[in-house]
Amino acid sequence: MEIGAEIIERIKNGDGEAFRIFYREYFPKIYNYAYRRVKVKETAEDLTEETFFKVFKAFRTFQLKEGFTLDMWIYAVERNVVRDWFRKNVGFKILPLEERFDSAFTPLLNDPYSTAENELVGNYVKSSLKEIPERYRRIIELRFFKGKHIKEIALELKKSEGAVKVLQFRALKALKEKIEEKLRNEQ
């Protein structure tokens, strides 16, 4: 089920049933992401609960920006929750390339300066996506815009999980190089 504007408006207006629909749709995805990162059931449950709390709190003033999807926003909130947990409980941790790059998609909630900067990054990403090979663009679209797991992408593309991971790595590298090229050309 895809959560649409009607459900979002109902949630904003305090409709408990609309939030239950939203919760049932997103709980497995959010919990699975958290569990894959921390590997501890109780911690994953806590991170999932914190993510829903932040999302619910932010729904009051939520405005979906052009070029972003609800899924992207929710997963960005969750990634921030998980990162914060790692910072507090594990100390400085070098995040995988996927995580570092992924932060460019994070629409920040309460800082207009960071939001403006993030929109600029988003514009670089969008224009650079058009310039990389289709197979790379497809992997990035499935993984980051649609929030699919490696296993799901492998099934959809009829490739092994290892092949999808390699494609994802190459796609992110190609995209990063295009963005850096654009930044160098503007200086």
N, C-alpha and C. Protein backbone atom coordinates (compact mmCIF):
# COMPACT_ATOMS: atom_id res chain seq x y z
N MET A 1 0.85 -1.19 0.00
CA MET A 1 0.00 0.00 0.00
C MET A 1 0.88 1.24 0.00
N GLU A 2 0.53 2.19 -0.80
CA GLU A 2 1.27 3.43 -0.82
C GLU A 2 0.52 4.47 0.00
N ILE A 3 1.24 5.10 0.90
CA ILE A 3 0.65 6.12 1.76
C ILE A 3 0.56 7.41 0.94
N GLY A 4 -0.65 7.93 0.81
CA GLY A 4 -0.85 9.12 -0.01
C GLY A 4 -1.10 10.36 0.81
N ALA A 5 -1.37 11.43 0.09
CA ALA A 5 -1.59 12.75 0.70
C ALA A 5 -2.77 12.73 1.66
N GLU A 6 -3.80 11.94 1.34
CA GLU A 6 -4.99 11.89 2.22
C GLU A 6 -4.63 11.36 3.61
N ILE A 7 -3.86 10.27 3.65
CA ILE A 7 -3.45 9.69 4.93
C ILE A 7 -2.58 10.68 5.70
N ILE A 8 -1.67 11.33 4.99
CA ILE A 8 -0.79 12.32 5.65
C ILE A 8 -1.61 13.44 6.26
N GLU A 9 -2.58 13.95 5.53
CA GLU A 9 -3.44 15.03 6.06
C GLU A 9 -4.23 14.55 7.27
N ARG A 10 -4.72 13.32 7.19
CA ARG A 10 -5.47 12.77 8.34
C ARG A 10 -4.57 12.65 9.56
N ILE A 11 -3.32 12.24 9.35
CA ILE A 11 -2.37 12.14 10.47
C ILE A 11 -2.12 13.53 11.05
N LYS A 12 -1.92 14.51 10.19
CA LYS A 12 -1.70 15.89 10.65
C LYS A 12 -2.86 16.39 11.51
N ASN A 13 -4.07 15.91 11.18
CA ASN A 13 -5.26 16.34 11.92
C ASN A 13 -5.53 15.46 13.13
N GLY A 14 -4.58 14.59 13.48
CA GLY A 14 -4.71 13.80 14.70
C GLY A 14 -5.52 12.52 14.55
N ASP A 15 -5.74 12.04 13.35
CA ASP A 15 -6.51 10.82 13.11
C ASP A 15 -5.66 9.60 13.49
N GLY A 16 -6.04 8.95 14.59
CA GLY A 16 -5.31 7.79 15.09
C GLY A 16 -5.33 6.62 14.12
N GLU A 17 -6.45 6.40 13.47
CA GLU A 17 -6.55 5.28 12.52
C GLU A 17 -5.61 5.49 11.33
N ALA A 18 -5.48 6.71 10.87
CA ALA A 18 -4.57 7.02 9.76
C ALA A 18 -3.12 6.73 10.19
N PHE A 19 -2.78 7.09 11.43
CA PHE A 19 -1.43 6.80 11.89
C PHE A 19 -1.21 5.30 12.02
N ARG A 20 -2.23 4.55 12.44
CA ARG A 20 -2.10 3.08 12.52
C ARG A 20 -1.84 2.49 11.13
N ILE A 21 -2.52 3.01 10.12
CA ILE A 21 -2.30 2.55 8.74
C ILE A 21 -0.85 2.84 8.35
N PHE A 22 -0.40 4.06 8.62
CA PHE A 22 0.96 4.47 8.34
C PHE A 22 1.95 3.56 9.09
N TYR A 23 1.69 3.33 10.36
CA TYR A 23 2.56 2.51 11.21
C TYR A 23 2.67 1.08 10.68
N ARG A 24 1.53 0.49 10.34
CA ARG A 24 1.55 -0.89 9.80
C ARG A 24 2.34 -0.98 8.51
N GLU A 25 2.28 0.05 7.70
CA GLU A 25 3.00 0.07 6.43
C GLU A 25 4.51 0.21 6.64
N TYR A 26 4.91 1.09 7.54
CA TYR A 26 6.32 1.42 7.67
C TYR A 26 7.06 0.66 8.77
N PHE A 27 6.34 0.12 9.76
CA PHE A 27 7.05 -0.55 10.86
C PHE A 27 8.02 -1.62 10.37
N PRO A 28 7.60 -2.58 9.53
CA PRO A 28 8.56 -3.63 9.14
C PRO A 28 9.80 -3.08 8.43
N LYS A 29 9.62 -2.08 7.59
CA LYS A 29 10.75 -1.52 6.85
C LYS A 29 11.71 -0.81 7.80
N ILE A 30 11.17 -0.02 8.70
CA ILE A 30 12.00 0.75 9.63
C ILE A 30 12.70 -0.19 10.60
N TYR A 31 11.96 -1.16 11.14
CA TYR A 31 12.56 -2.11 12.08
C TYR A 31 13.67 -2.91 11.40
N ASN A 32 13.41 -3.41 10.20
CA ASN A 32 14.41 -4.22 9.49
C ASN A 32 15.69 -3.43 9.23
N TYR A 33 15.55 -2.18 8.84
CA TYR A 33 16.73 -1.35 8.61
C TYR A 33 17.53 -1.21 9.91
N ALA A 34 16.83 -0.88 10.99
CA ALA A 34 17.51 -0.70 12.28
C ALA A 34 18.18 -2.00 12.72
N TYR A 35 17.48 -3.10 12.57
CA TYR A 35 18.04 -4.39 13.00
C TYR A 35 19.28 -4.75 12.18
N ARG A 36 19.23 -4.50 10.88
CA ARG A 36 20.39 -4.80 10.03
C ARG A 36 21.61 -3.99 10.47
N ARG A 37 21.38 -2.80 11.01
CA ARG A 37 22.49 -1.95 11.42
C ARG A 37 23.03 -2.31 12.80
N VAL A 38 22.16 -2.60 13.76
CA VAL A 38 22.63 -2.79 15.14
C VAL A 38 22.67 -4.25 15.59
N LYS A 39 21.93 -5.12 14.92
CA LYS A 39 21.94 -6.57 15.18
C LYS A 39 21.48 -6.98 16.58
N VAL A 40 20.76 -6.08 17.25
CA VAL A 40 20.22 -6.39 18.58
C VAL A 40 18.74 -6.04 18.57
N LYS A 41 17.88 -7.05 18.81
CA LYS A 41 16.43 -6.88 18.69
C LYS A 41 15.91 -5.71 19.52
N GLU A 42 16.29 -5.66 20.79
CA GLU A 42 15.77 -4.61 21.68
C GLU A 42 16.21 -3.22 21.23
N THR A 43 17.46 -3.11 20.81
CA THR A 43 17.97 -1.81 20.34
C THR A 43 17.25 -1.40 19.06
N ALA A 44 17.05 -2.37 18.16
CA ALA A 44 16.33 -2.08 16.91
C ALA A 44 14.91 -1.61 17.21
N GLU A 45 14.26 -2.23 18.20
CA GLU A 45 12.91 -1.80 18.59
C GLU A 45 12.93 -0.37 19.13
N ASP A 46 13.93 -0.06 19.96
CA ASP A 46 14.04 1.30 20.50
C ASP A 46 14.27 2.32 19.39
N LEU A 47 15.13 1.99 18.44
CA LEU A 47 15.42 2.91 17.34
C LEU A 47 14.19 3.09 16.45
N THR A 48 13.44 2.02 16.26
CA THR A 48 12.20 2.10 15.47
C THR A 48 11.19 3.00 16.18
N GLU A 49 11.05 2.82 17.48
CA GLU A 49 10.13 3.66 18.25
C GLU A 49 10.54 5.12 18.19
N GLU A 50 11.84 5.39 18.34
CA GLU A 50 12.32 6.77 18.28
C GLU A 50 12.07 7.38 16.90
N THR A 51 12.26 6.58 15.84
CA THR A 51 12.02 7.06 14.49
C THR A 51 10.56 7.46 14.32
N PHE A 52 9.63 6.59 14.76
CA PHE A 52 8.21 6.91 14.65
C PHE A 52 7.86 8.15 15.47
N PHE A 53 8.47 8.29 16.63
CA PHE A 53 8.21 9.47 17.46
C PHE A 53 8.61 10.73 16.71
N LYS A 54 9.82 10.72 16.12
CA LYS A 54 10.30 11.91 15.40
C LYS A 54 9.45 12.19 14.17
N VAL A 55 9.08 11.14 13.45
CA VAL A 55 8.25 11.32 12.25
C VAL A 55 6.89 11.88 12.66
N PHE A 56 6.29 11.31 13.68
CA PHE A 56 4.97 11.76 14.12
C PHE A 56 5.02 13.22 14.57
N LYS A 57 6.05 13.56 15.33
CA LYS A 57 6.22 14.93 15.81
C LYS A 57 6.39 15.90 14.62
N ALA A 58 7.15 15.48 13.63
CA ALA A 58 7.43 16.34 12.48
C ALA A 58 6.24 16.43 11.52
N PHE A 59 5.31 15.48 11.59
CA PHE A 59 4.16 15.48 10.67
C PHE A 59 3.33 16.75 10.80
N ARG A 60 3.32 17.36 11.99
CA ARG A 60 2.49 18.56 12.20
C ARG A 60 2.82 19.67 11.20
N THR A 61 4.11 19.78 10.87
CA THR A 61 4.54 20.84 9.96
C THR A 61 5.11 20.27 8.66
N PHE A 62 4.89 19.00 8.43
CA PHE A 62 5.50 18.31 7.28
C PHE A 62 5.01 18.87 5.95
N GLN A 63 5.98 19.17 5.10
CA GLN A 63 5.71 19.59 3.72
C GLN A 63 6.66 18.80 2.84
N LEU A 64 6.15 18.00 1.94
CA LEU A 64 7.01 17.22 1.06
C LEU A 64 7.55 18.13 -0.03
N LYS A 65 8.86 18.21 -0.12
CA LYS A 65 9.49 19.09 -1.11
C LYS A 65 9.58 18.39 -2.45
N GLU A 66 9.56 19.20 -3.49
CA GLU A 66 9.63 18.68 -4.85
C GLU A 66 10.92 17.87 -5.02
N GLY A 67 10.79 16.71 -5.65
CA GLY A 67 11.95 15.86 -5.88
C GLY A 67 12.18 14.85 -4.78
N PHE A 68 11.45 14.96 -3.68
CA PHE A 68 11.58 14.02 -2.58
C PHE A 68 10.29 13.22 -2.45
N THR A 69 10.41 12.02 -1.89
CA THR A 69 9.23 11.20 -1.63
C THR A 69 9.08 11.04 -0.13
N LEU A 70 7.91 10.60 0.30
CA LEU A 70 7.66 10.33 1.71
C LEU A 70 8.65 9.28 2.22
N ASP A 71 8.86 8.23 1.42
CA ASP A 71 9.81 7.19 1.82
C ASP A 71 11.20 7.77 2.06
N MET A 72 11.66 8.62 1.17
CA MET A 72 13.00 9.21 1.31
C MET A 72 13.09 9.98 2.63
N TRP A 73 12.06 10.73 2.93
CA TRP A 73 12.07 11.53 4.15
C TRP A 73 12.10 10.63 5.40
N ILE A 74 11.24 9.62 5.42
CA ILE A 74 11.16 8.73 6.58
C ILE A 74 12.48 7.99 6.78
N TYR A 75 13.05 7.48 5.69
CA TYR A 75 14.30 6.74 5.80
C TYR A 75 15.44 7.68 6.21
N ALA A 76 15.37 8.93 5.80
CA ALA A 76 16.39 9.90 6.21
C ALA A 76 16.30 10.14 7.71
N VAL A 77 15.07 10.26 8.23
CA VAL A 77 14.89 10.43 9.68
C VAL A 77 15.47 9.21 10.39
N GLU A 78 15.16 8.03 9.89
CA GLU A 78 15.66 6.82 10.55
C GLU A 78 17.17 6.73 10.49
N ARG A 79 17.76 7.02 9.34
CA ARG A 79 19.22 6.96 9.24
C ARG A 79 19.85 7.90 10.26
N ASN A 80 19.26 9.07 10.46
CA ASN A 80 19.79 10.00 11.45
C ASN A 80 19.66 9.44 12.87
N VAL A 81 18.54 8.78 13.15
CA VAL A 81 18.35 8.17 14.47
C VAL A 81 19.40 7.08 14.70
N VAL A 82 19.62 6.24 13.70
CA VAL A 82 20.60 5.16 13.82
C VAL A 82 22.01 5.73 13.95
N ARG A 83 22.34 6.73 13.15
CA ARG A 83 23.67 7.36 13.24
C ARG A 83 23.90 7.95 14.62
N ASP A 84 22.88 8.64 15.14
CA ASP A 84 23.01 9.22 16.48
C ASP A 84 23.26 8.15 17.52
N TRP A 85 22.57 7.03 17.39
CA TRP A 85 22.76 5.92 18.34
C TRP A 85 24.21 5.43 18.27
N PHE A 86 24.73 5.25 17.05
CA PHE A 86 26.12 4.79 16.90
C PHE A 86 27.08 5.80 17.52
N ARG A 87 26.84 7.07 17.27
CA ARG A 87 27.74 8.09 17.81
C ARG A 87 27.75 8.07 19.33
N LYS A 88 26.58 7.89 19.93
CA LYS A 88 26.47 7.89 21.39
C LYS A 88 27.00 6.60 22.00
N ASN A 89 26.79 5.48 21.34
CA ASN A 89 27.08 4.18 21.95
C ASN A 89 28.34 3.49 21.44
N VAL A 90 28.81 3.88 20.29
CA VAL A 90 29.99 3.22 19.72
C VAL A 90 31.12 4.22 19.56
N GLY A 91 30.81 5.49 19.63
CA GLY A 91 31.83 6.50 19.39
C GLY A 91 31.90 6.79 17.90
N PHE A 92 32.94 7.49 17.49
CA PHE A 92 33.08 7.84 16.08
C PHE A 92 33.17 6.56 15.27
N LYS A 93 32.39 6.47 14.25
CA LYS A 93 32.35 5.28 13.40
C LYS A 93 32.40 5.75 11.96
N ILE A 94 33.29 5.18 11.20
CA ILE A 94 33.34 5.50 9.78
C ILE A 94 32.20 4.76 9.12
N LEU A 95 31.29 5.52 8.55
CA LEU A 95 30.12 4.92 7.93
C LEU A 95 30.48 4.38 6.55
N PRO A 96 29.80 3.30 6.12
CA PRO A 96 30.06 2.80 4.78
C PRO A 96 29.74 3.88 3.73
N LEU A 97 30.31 3.70 2.54
CA LEU A 97 30.09 4.66 1.45
C LEU A 97 28.61 4.93 1.24
N GLU A 98 27.81 3.87 1.27
CA GLU A 98 26.37 4.01 1.08
C GLU A 98 25.79 4.98 2.10
N GLU A 99 26.20 4.86 3.36
CA GLU A 99 25.67 5.72 4.42
C GLU A 99 26.14 7.15 4.25
N ARG A 100 27.42 7.34 3.94
CA ARG A 100 27.94 8.70 3.80
C ARG A 100 27.27 9.41 2.64
N PHE A 101 27.13 8.71 1.52
CA PHE A 101 26.52 9.33 0.36
C PHE A 101 25.03 9.58 0.61
N ASP A 102 24.41 8.61 1.27
CA ASP A 102 22.99 8.67 1.52
C ASP A 102 22.58 9.92 2.27
N SER A 103 23.47 10.44 3.12
CA SER A 103 23.12 11.61 3.92
C SER A 103 22.84 12.83 3.05
N ALA A 104 23.28 12.81 1.81
CA ALA A 104 23.00 13.93 0.92
C ALA A 104 21.52 14.06 0.62
N PHE A 105 20.77 12.98 0.84
CA PHE A 105 19.34 12.99 0.55
C PHE A 105 18.50 13.40 1.75
N THR A 106 19.14 13.70 2.85
CA THR A 106 18.40 13.93 4.09
C THR A 106 17.82 15.34 4.16
N PRO A 107 16.49 15.48 4.03
CA PRO A 107 15.91 16.80 4.23
C PRO A 107 15.85 17.12 5.73
N LEU A 108 16.64 18.06 6.16
CA LEU A 108 16.71 18.37 7.59
C LEU A 108 15.46 19.12 8.02
N LEU A 109 15.06 18.89 9.26
CA LEU A 109 13.74 19.34 9.69
C LEU A 109 13.68 20.78 10.21
N ASN A 110 14.61 21.17 11.02
CA ASN A 110 14.41 22.43 11.72
C ASN A 110 15.48 23.49 11.47
N ASP A 111 16.37 23.29 10.55
CA ASP A 111 17.45 24.23 10.30
C ASP A 111 17.36 24.74 8.87
N PRO A 112 16.84 25.95 8.67
CA PRO A 112 16.64 26.44 7.30
C PRO A 112 17.94 26.56 6.51
N TYR A 113 19.05 26.85 7.18
CA TYR A 113 20.33 26.96 6.47
C TYR A 113 20.78 25.60 5.97
N SER A 114 20.66 24.60 6.82
CA SER A 114 21.03 23.25 6.40
C SER A 114 20.08 22.74 5.33
N THR A 115 18.81 23.08 5.45
CA THR A 115 17.84 22.65 4.45
C THR A 115 18.17 23.25 3.10
N ALA A 116 18.52 24.52 3.06
CA ALA A 116 18.87 25.17 1.79
C ALA A 116 20.11 24.51 1.21
N GLU A 117 21.10 24.24 2.05
CA GLU A 117 22.31 23.58 1.59
C GLU A 117 21.98 22.18 1.06
N ASN A 118 21.10 21.49 1.76
CA ASN A 118 20.72 20.14 1.34
C ASN A 118 19.98 20.16 0.01
N GLU A 119 19.16 21.18 -0.21
CA GLU A 119 18.46 21.30 -1.50
C GLU A 119 19.45 21.51 -2.62
N LEU A 120 20.50 22.28 -2.35
CA LEU A 120 21.55 22.48 -3.34
C LEU A 120 22.23 21.16 -3.68
N VAL A 121 22.55 20.39 -2.66
CA VAL A 121 23.14 19.06 -2.87
C VAL A 121 22.18 18.20 -3.67
N GLY A 122 20.90 18.25 -3.32
CA GLY A 122 19.89 17.48 -4.05
C GLY A 122 19.85 17.83 -5.52
N ASN A 123 20.00 19.12 -5.83
CA ASN A 123 20.02 19.54 -7.24
C ASN A 123 21.24 18.99 -7.97
N TYR A 124 22.39 18.99 -7.29
CA TYR A 124 23.59 18.40 -7.89
C TYR A 124 23.37 16.90 -8.14
N VAL A 125 22.77 16.24 -7.18
CA VAL A 125 22.53 14.80 -7.30
C VAL A 125 21.59 14.53 -8.47
N LYS A 126 20.48 15.26 -8.54
CA LYS A 126 19.51 15.04 -9.62
C LYS A 126 20.12 15.26 -10.99
N SER A 127 20.86 16.34 -11.15
CA SER A 127 21.44 16.60 -12.47
C SER A 127 22.55 15.60 -12.80
N SER A 128 23.30 15.17 -11.79
CA SER A 128 24.37 14.20 -12.02
C SER A 128 23.81 12.81 -12.33
N LEU A 129 22.68 12.48 -11.74
CA LEU A 129 22.06 11.18 -12.01
C LEU A 129 21.77 11.00 -13.50
N LYS A 130 21.41 12.09 -14.15
CA LYS A 130 21.08 12.03 -15.58
C LYS A 130 22.31 11.72 -16.43
N GLU A 131 23.48 11.90 -15.86
CA GLU A 131 24.72 11.76 -16.63
C GLU A 131 25.46 10.45 -16.39
N ILE A 132 24.92 9.58 -15.55
CA ILE A 132 25.59 8.30 -15.34
C ILE A 132 24.84 7.22 -16.12
N PRO A 133 25.50 6.08 -16.37
CA PRO A 133 24.84 5.01 -17.15
C PRO A 133 23.51 4.56 -16.53
N GLU A 134 22.60 4.16 -17.38
CA GLU A 134 21.25 3.75 -16.97
C GLU A 134 21.28 2.66 -15.90
N ARG A 135 22.16 1.67 -16.05
CA ARG A 135 22.20 0.56 -15.08
C ARG A 135 22.56 1.07 -13.68
N TYR A 136 23.42 2.09 -13.62
CA TYR A 136 23.77 2.68 -12.33
C TYR A 136 22.61 3.50 -11.78
N ARG A 137 22.00 4.26 -12.67
CA ARG A 137 20.85 5.10 -12.27
C ARG A 137 19.75 4.22 -11.69
N ARG A 138 19.52 3.08 -12.32
CA ARG A 138 18.46 2.14 -11.89
C ARG A 138 18.74 1.61 -10.48
N ILE A 139 19.98 1.24 -10.23
CA ILE A 139 20.34 0.73 -8.90
C ILE A 139 20.11 1.81 -7.83
N ILE A 140 20.55 3.02 -8.11
CA ILE A 140 20.38 4.12 -7.15
C ILE A 140 18.90 4.40 -6.93
N GLU A 141 18.13 4.39 -7.99
CA GLU A 141 16.68 4.62 -7.88
C GLU A 141 16.03 3.56 -6.99
N LEU A 142 16.33 2.30 -7.24
CA LEU A 142 15.72 1.22 -6.47
C LEU A 142 16.16 1.24 -5.01
N ARG A 143 17.45 1.48 -4.78
CA ARG A 143 18.00 1.39 -3.43
C ARG A 143 17.65 2.60 -2.58
N PHE A 144 17.81 3.78 -3.14
CA PHE A 144 17.68 4.99 -2.32
C PHE A 144 16.36 5.72 -2.48
N PHE A 145 15.80 5.74 -3.68
CA PHE A 145 14.54 6.44 -3.86
C PHE A 145 13.35 5.55 -3.50
N LYS A 146 13.45 4.27 -3.80
CA LYS A 146 12.35 3.35 -3.49
C LYS A 146 12.60 2.57 -2.20
N GLY A 147 13.79 2.68 -1.64
CA GLY A 147 14.09 2.07 -0.35
C GLY A 147 14.13 0.56 -0.35
N LYS A 148 14.44 -0.04 -1.48
CA LYS A 148 14.46 -1.50 -1.55
C LYS A 148 15.77 -2.04 -0.99
N HIS A 149 15.67 -3.24 -0.45
CA HIS A 149 16.84 -3.92 0.08
C HIS A 149 17.60 -4.60 -1.05
N ILE A 150 18.87 -4.90 -0.80
CA ILE A 150 19.73 -5.55 -1.81
C ILE A 150 19.07 -6.82 -2.33
N LYS A 151 18.51 -7.61 -1.43
CA LYS A 151 17.87 -8.88 -1.82
C LYS A 151 16.71 -8.64 -2.79
N GLU A 152 15.89 -7.62 -2.50
CA GLU A 152 14.76 -7.29 -3.37
C GLU A 152 15.24 -6.85 -4.75
N ILE A 153 16.28 -6.04 -4.77
CA ILE A 153 16.82 -5.55 -6.04
C ILE A 153 17.39 -6.71 -6.85
N ALA A 154 18.08 -7.61 -6.17
CA ALA A 154 18.66 -8.78 -6.84
C ALA A 154 17.57 -9.61 -7.51
N LEU A 155 16.47 -9.82 -6.80
CA LEU A 155 15.36 -10.58 -7.39
C LEU A 155 14.76 -9.85 -8.58
N GLU A 156 14.56 -8.55 -8.43
CA GLU A 156 13.95 -7.77 -9.50
C GLU A 156 14.83 -7.72 -10.75
N LEU A 157 16.14 -7.60 -10.55
CA LEU A 157 17.05 -7.48 -11.69
C LEU A 157 17.61 -8.83 -12.16
N LYS A 158 17.20 -9.89 -11.42
CA LYS A 158 17.69 -11.24 -11.74
C LYS A 158 19.21 -11.30 -11.71
N LYS A 159 19.77 -10.76 -10.63
CA LYS A 159 21.21 -10.77 -10.40
C LYS A 159 21.47 -11.30 -9.00
N SER A 160 22.71 -11.69 -8.73
CA SER A 160 23.06 -12.12 -7.39
C SER A 160 23.15 -10.90 -6.48
N GLU A 161 23.03 -11.12 -5.17
CA GLU A 161 23.15 -10.02 -4.22
C GLU A 161 24.55 -9.40 -4.32
N GLY A 162 25.56 -10.23 -4.52
CA GLY A 162 26.92 -9.73 -4.66
C GLY A 162 27.05 -8.81 -5.87
N ALA A 163 26.43 -9.21 -6.98
CA ALA A 163 26.48 -8.38 -8.20
C ALA A 163 25.78 -7.04 -7.97
N VAL A 164 24.67 -7.05 -7.23
CA VAL A 164 23.95 -5.81 -6.94
C VAL A 164 24.80 -4.90 -6.05
N LYS A 165 25.49 -5.48 -5.07
CA LYS A 165 26.35 -4.68 -4.20
C LYS A 165 27.48 -4.03 -4.99
N VAL A 166 28.06 -4.79 -5.91
CA VAL A 166 29.13 -4.24 -6.75
C VAL A 166 28.58 -3.11 -7.63
N LEU A 167 27.41 -3.34 -8.24
CA LEU A 167 26.79 -2.31 -9.07
C LEU A 167 26.48 -1.06 -8.25
N GLN A 168 25.97 -1.26 -7.04
CA GLN A 168 25.66 -0.13 -6.18
C GLN A 168 26.92 0.66 -5.85
N PHE A 169 27.99 -0.05 -5.52
CA PHE A 169 29.25 0.62 -5.21
C PHE A 169 29.72 1.45 -6.40
N ARG A 170 29.70 0.83 -7.59
CA ARG A 170 30.13 1.53 -8.80
C ARG A 170 29.22 2.70 -9.13
N ALA A 171 27.92 2.50 -8.92
CA ALA A 171 26.96 3.57 -9.21
C ALA A 171 27.21 4.77 -8.30
N LEU A 172 27.40 4.52 -7.01
CA LEU A 172 27.66 5.61 -6.08
C LEU A 172 28.98 6.30 -6.39
N LYS A 173 29.97 5.52 -6.78
CA LYS A 173 31.26 6.09 -7.14
C LYS A 173 31.12 6.99 -8.38
N ALA A 174 30.41 6.49 -9.40
CA ALA A 174 30.21 7.27 -10.62
C ALA A 174 29.44 8.56 -10.33
N LEU A 175 28.41 8.45 -9.49
CA LEU A 175 27.62 9.62 -9.14
C LEU A 175 28.46 10.62 -8.35
N LYS A 176 29.24 10.13 -7.41
CA LYS A 176 30.11 10.99 -6.61
C LYS A 176 31.09 11.74 -7.52
N GLU A 177 31.67 11.03 -8.48
CA GLU A 177 32.62 11.66 -9.40
C GLU A 177 31.95 12.75 -10.23
N LYS A 178 30.71 12.49 -10.69
CA LYS A 178 29.98 13.51 -11.47
C LYS A 178 29.70 14.74 -10.62
N ILE A 179 29.29 14.52 -9.38
CA ILE A 179 29.00 15.66 -8.49
C ILE A 179 30.27 16.46 -8.23
N GLU A 180 31.37 15.76 -7.95
CA GLU A 180 32.63 16.46 -7.70
C GLU A 180 33.08 17.24 -8.94
N GLU A 181 32.86 16.65 -10.11
CA GLU A 181 33.21 17.34 -11.37
C GLU A 181 32.40 18.63 -11.50
N LYS A 182 31.10 18.57 -11.21
CA LYS A 182 30.24 19.76 -11.29
C LYS A 182 30.72 20.82 -10.30
N LEU A 183 31.08 20.40 -9.10
CA LEU A 183 31.55 21.34 -8.09
C LEU A 183 32.86 22.01 -8.52
N ARG A 184 33.77 21.23 -9.09
CA ARG A 184 35.05 21.79 -9.56
C ARG A 184 34.80 22.79 -10.69
N ASN A 185 33.87 22.48 -11.58
CA ASN A 185 33.59 23.36 -12.72
C ASN A 185 32.96 24.68 -12.29
N GLU A 186 32.32 24.71 -11.14
CA GLU A 186 31.68 25.94 -10.67
C GLU A 186 32.65 26.87 -9.95
N GLN A 187 33.79 26.33 -9.56
CA GLN A 187 34.73 27.16 -8.81
C GLN A 187 35.55 28.03 -9.70
